[in-house]
């Protein structure tokens, strides 16, 4: 069970990955699932259990998040 975090651009995804790793949260950049968005791009995959901590870390870093989805 994973959560994916969609961000506006690849540079946002790279920054999110850096922020989450610094916070000790396991993460991986993956292509955005087609059923979530038809745009090409990447998103950040995290364990579902880390969702709240990840959202808090990204909010604290003032990183723009488009949406968060549990898969």
Protein backbone atom coordinates (compact mmCIF):
# COMPACT_ATOMS: atom_id res chain seq x y z
CA UNK A 1 0.00 0.00 0.00
CA UNK A 2 1.44 3.29 -1.13
CA UNK A 3 0.57 6.96 -1.31
CA UNK A 4 1.57 9.12 -4.26
CA UNK A 5 2.12 12.85 -4.02
CA UNK A 6 1.56 14.82 -7.22
CA UNK A 7 3.49 18.05 -7.65
CA UNK A 8 3.47 20.71 -10.41
CA UNK A 9 6.78 19.83 -12.08
CA UNK A 10 9.75 17.52 -12.18
CA UNK A 11 11.84 20.07 -10.28
CA UNK A 12 9.20 20.06 -7.51
CA UNK A 13 9.37 16.25 -7.43
CA UNK A 14 13.16 16.31 -7.09
CA UNK A 15 12.92 18.86 -4.30
CA UNK A 16 10.19 16.81 -2.57
CA UNK A 17 12.38 13.71 -2.73
CA UNK A 18 15.26 15.60 -1.10
CA UNK A 19 12.99 16.99 1.65
CA UNK A 20 11.44 13.61 2.41
CA UNK A 21 14.77 11.78 2.52
CA UNK A 22 16.14 14.44 4.88
CA UNK A 23 13.10 13.80 7.10
CA UNK A 24 13.87 10.07 7.11
CA UNK A 25 10.88 9.14 4.94
CA UNK A 26 11.36 6.39 2.35
CA UNK A 27 10.38 7.69 -1.09
CA UNK A 28 10.77 6.99 -4.78
CA UNK A 29 10.10 9.02 -7.91
CA UNK A 30 7.72 7.22 -10.28
CA UNK A 31 5.71 8.15 -13.39
CA UNK A 32 2.33 9.65 -12.57
CA UNK A 33 -0.29 6.86 -12.77
CA UNK A 34 -2.49 7.40 -15.85
CA UNK A 35 -5.72 7.14 -13.86
CA UNK A 36 -4.66 10.15 -11.77
CA UNK A 37 -3.45 12.49 -14.51
CA UNK A 38 -3.01 12.42 -18.26
CA UNK A 39 -0.03 14.77 -17.97
CA UNK A 40 3.39 13.27 -18.43
CA UNK A 41 5.55 13.65 -15.40
CA UNK A 42 6.75 12.17 -12.18
CA UNK A 43 5.35 11.96 -8.70
CA UNK A 44 6.67 10.84 -5.34
CA UNK A 45 5.70 7.43 -3.95
CA UNK A 46 5.84 6.88 -0.19
CA UNK A 47 4.58 4.19 2.17
CA UNK A 48 0.98 4.91 3.15
CA UNK A 49 1.93 4.93 6.84
CA UNK A 50 4.23 7.90 6.18
CA UNK A 51 1.51 10.05 4.56
CA UNK A 52 0.94 12.46 7.46
CA UNK A 53 4.63 12.90 8.21
CA UNK A 54 5.43 13.45 4.52
CA UNK A 55 2.68 16.03 4.07
CA UNK A 56 3.85 17.85 7.18
CA UNK A 57 7.48 17.88 5.99
CA UNK A 58 6.52 19.21 2.56
CA UNK A 59 4.22 21.84 4.04
CA UNK A 60 6.95 22.98 6.44
CA UNK A 61 9.32 23.34 3.47
CA UNK A 62 6.64 25.36 1.58
CA UNK A 63 6.65 22.91 -1.33
CA UNK A 64 3.56 23.11 -3.52
CA UNK A 65 1.58 19.85 -3.67
CA UNK A 66 -1.16 19.34 -6.27
CA UNK A 67 -2.77 16.27 -4.68
CA UNK A 68 -2.18 13.21 -2.52
CA UNK A 69 -3.64 9.78 -3.41
CA UNK A 70 -3.64 6.41 -1.68
CA UNK A 71 -3.12 3.48 -4.06
